[in-house]
Structure formats: C-alpha cells, structure tokens
C-alpha cells in the first residue's frame, strides 16, 4: 500500500511537471506567433521601403543625392535650431508651396529666352536691311 501511495505521488509529480512543460511550451508558441506577426509586418514595411528606393533610383536619386538631401535637411534643422523631423516637414512644405511658382517661373524664363532669340533674329534682319540701304536707295531713285 505504501508503494502504491508512493507511485501515486510520483505520478502526480510527473503529471504536474508535464503540465508545467505544456504551459511553458504554449506560452512559448504564443510568443513565437506574436513575433512571427511582428516580423511579417516589418517585412512588409521593408518591401515598401525597397520599392520606394528602387523608384527613387530610377528617377536618378542615388545614394549621393539622398545623402545631399539629408545634409540639406540637417543644415536647415541646425540653422533654425529645430529637430530634424520638423526640418523635414518644413522642407517638404516649402517645396510644395514654391513648386508651382518655380514651374511658372521656368515657363516665363523659357518664354523670355524665345522672345530674345526672336528679337536677335529681327535685329540681324534689320541690320542686314540697313547695310543694303546704300545700295538700294540709289537704285530705287534711278528707277523713279
């Protein structure tokens, strides 16, 4: 009978240890599932970042240009004594605010260049006519 009680206690202890192990493994499994979800989310974010980097590369934004942009924003932050994230926000707002003005200005510059080119042609034509006047004037007066 003592042997049966001892065996029963031994089985109860073993059962308790097994239950503890099961609970430990269930907790570990749940933690691994959570970590897997987090890694999947991070992987998705990284894919999006790589996609944008590839698009920027195709547009001509290589590492050099991105570093130049970064240093410009750092310079803005330091000059205005503001955090870098606020400098990024201000930089983008300034670009957005002045972009249309810049496009309009470029169009005006191109129009002005075209006018200058046309005026240069007109000046050259008038100068040619003036050079011909000494020859044309006497010839015309002889015809009259």
Protein backbone atom coordinates (compact mmCIF):
# COMPACT_ATOMS: atom_id res chain seq x y z
CA UNK A 1 0.00 0.00 0.00
CA UNK A 2 2.86 2.35 0.81
CA UNK A 3 4.31 1.50 -2.55
CA UNK A 4 1.00 2.44 -4.26
CA UNK A 5 0.90 5.79 -2.44
CA UNK A 6 4.48 6.45 -3.45
CA UNK A 7 3.70 5.56 -7.07
CA UNK A 8 0.62 7.79 -6.96
CA UNK A 9 2.67 10.71 -5.61
CA UNK A 10 5.32 10.06 -8.23
CA UNK A 11 2.69 10.06 -11.00
CA UNK A 12 1.12 13.24 -9.63
CA UNK A 13 4.53 14.95 -9.57
CA UNK A 14 5.29 13.74 -13.07
CA UNK A 15 1.86 14.93 -14.25
CA UNK A 16 2.47 18.33 -12.63
CA UNK A 17 5.86 18.61 -14.35
CA UNK A 18 4.31 17.66 -17.69
CA UNK A 19 1.54 20.26 -17.24
CA UNK A 20 4.15 22.88 -16.39
CA UNK A 21 6.08 21.92 -19.53
CA UNK A 22 2.88 22.11 -21.61
CA UNK A 23 2.09 25.57 -20.23
CA UNK A 24 5.66 26.68 -20.89
CA UNK A 25 5.50 25.43 -24.49
CA UNK A 26 2.08 27.01 -25.05
CA UNK A 27 3.39 30.35 -23.82
CA UNK A 28 6.48 29.94 -26.00
CA UNK A 29 4.28 29.08 -29.00
CA UNK A 30 2.11 32.16 -28.43
CA UNK A 31 5.20 34.37 -28.12
CA UNK A 32 6.62 32.90 -31.35
CA UNK A 33 3.32 33.53 -33.14
CA UNK A 34 3.35 37.15 -31.98
CA UNK A 35 6.97 37.51 -33.06
CA UNK A 36 6.09 35.97 -36.44
CA UNK A 37 3.29 38.51 -36.93
CA UNK A 38 5.67 41.35 -35.98
CA UNK A 39 8.32 40.04 -38.39
CA UNK A 40 5.72 39.77 -41.16
CA UNK A 41 4.68 43.36 -40.56
CA UNK A 42 8.31 44.51 -40.56
CA UNK A 43 8.96 42.52 -43.73
CA UNK A 44 6.02 44.23 -45.43
CA UNK A 45 7.32 47.66 -44.38
CA UNK A 46 10.80 46.79 -45.65
CA UNK A 47 9.37 45.71 -49.02
CA UNK A 48 7.57 49.04 -49.32
CA UNK A 49 10.75 50.92 -48.43
CA UNK A 50 12.76 48.95 -51.01
CA UNK A 51 10.11 49.63 -53.63
CA UNK A 52 10.33 53.39 -52.99
CA UNK A 53 14.15 53.24 -53.02
CA UNK A 54 14.05 51.46 -56.40
CA UNK A 55 11.66 54.11 -57.77
CA UNK A 56 13.93 56.89 -56.50
CA UNK A 57 16.93 55.17 -58.06
CA UNK A 58 15.13 55.04 -61.42
CA UNK A 59 14.42 58.77 -61.10
CA UNK A 60 18.12 59.47 -60.58
CA UNK A 61 18.18 59.60 -56.78
CA UNK A 62 21.20 57.54 -55.91
CA UNK A 63 22.98 57.33 -52.60
CA UNK A 64 24.88 60.57 -53.28
CA UNK A 65 21.70 62.55 -53.96
CA UNK A 66 19.90 61.12 -50.94
CA UNK A 67 22.87 62.00 -48.72
CA UNK A 68 22.88 65.51 -50.16
CA UNK A 69 19.18 65.82 -49.36
CA UNK A 70 19.81 64.54 -45.83
CA UNK A 71 22.63 67.02 -45.24
CA UNK A 72 20.49 69.86 -46.57
CA UNK A 73 17.73 68.98 -44.11
CA UNK A 74 20.25 68.65 -41.26
CA UNK A 75 21.59 72.07 -42.20
CA UNK A 76 18.06 73.50 -42.13
CA UNK A 77 17.48 71.94 -38.70
CA UNK A 78 20.70 73.35 -37.29
CA UNK A 79 20.20 76.80 -38.81
CA UNK A 80 16.70 77.05 -37.36
CA UNK A 81 17.51 75.21 -34.12
CA UNK A 82 14.72 72.68 -34.70
CA UNK A 83 14.58 68.86 -34.62
CA UNK A 84 15.34 67.04 -37.87
CA UNK A 85 11.82 65.65 -38.22
CA UNK A 86 10.39 69.17 -38.07
CA UNK A 87 13.00 70.31 -40.62
CA UNK A 88 11.83 67.54 -42.98
CA UNK A 89 8.25 68.69 -42.59
CA UNK A 90 9.18 72.34 -43.25
CA UNK A 91 11.36 71.40 -46.21
CA UNK A 92 8.54 69.44 -47.84
CA UNK A 93 6.03 72.23 -47.17
CA UNK A 94 8.42 74.76 -48.76
CA UNK A 95 8.86 72.54 -51.81
CA UNK A 96 5.11 72.11 -52.11
CA UNK A 97 4.47 75.82 -51.58
CA UNK A 98 7.04 77.07 -54.09
CA UNK A 99 6.83 74.27 -56.66
CA UNK A 100 4.09 75.89 -58.74
CA UNK A 101 5.87 79.25 -58.55
CA UNK A 102 9.07 77.62 -59.79
CA UNK A 103 7.25 75.94 -62.67
CA UNK A 104 5.64 79.26 -63.61
CA UNK A 105 8.99 81.00 -63.41
CA UNK A 106 10.63 78.38 -65.61
CA UNK A 107 7.91 78.89 -68.21
CA UNK A 108 8.43 82.66 -68.09
CA UNK A 109 12.19 82.21 -68.42
CA UNK A 110 11.70 79.94 -71.44
CA UNK A 111 9.25 82.40 -73.00
CA UNK A 112 11.70 85.27 -72.40
CA UNK A 113 14.52 83.28 -73.98
CA UNK A 114 12.34 82.61 -77.02
CA UNK A 115 11.49 86.34 -77.28
CA UNK A 116 15.19 87.25 -77.00
CA UNK A 117 16.02 84.73 -79.73
CA UNK A 118 13.29 86.19 -81.97
CA UNK A 119 14.43 89.75 -81.27
CA UNK A 120 18.03 88.78 -82.06
CA UNK A 121 16.81 87.42 -85.41
CA UNK A 122 14.83 90.59 -86.05
CA UNK A 123 17.85 92.77 -85.18
CA UNK A 124 20.02 90.77 -87.56
CA UNK A 125 17.44 91.19 -90.34
CA UNK A 126 17.16 94.96 -89.72
CA UNK A 127 20.94 95.31 -89.68
CA UNK A 128 21.10 93.48 -92.98
CA UNK A 129 18.47 95.82 -94.44
CA UNK A 130 20.41 98.84 -93.16
CA UNK A 131 23.54 97.52 -94.79
CA UNK A 132 21.68 97.17 -98.07
CA UNK A 133 20.15 100.69 -98.00
CA UNK A 134 23.17 102.44 -99.51
CA UNK A 135 22.86 100.13 -102.49
CA UNK A 136 19.06 100.01 -102.72
CA UNK A 137 18.42 103.76 -102.27
CA UNK A 138 20.35 104.90 -105.37
CA UNK A 139 18.94 102.01 -107.40
CA UNK A 140 15.39 102.96 -106.45
CA UNK A 141 15.91 106.62 -107.19
CA UNK A 142 17.20 105.76 -110.67
CA UNK A 143 14.03 103.77 -111.31
CA UNK A 144 11.83 106.72 -110.41
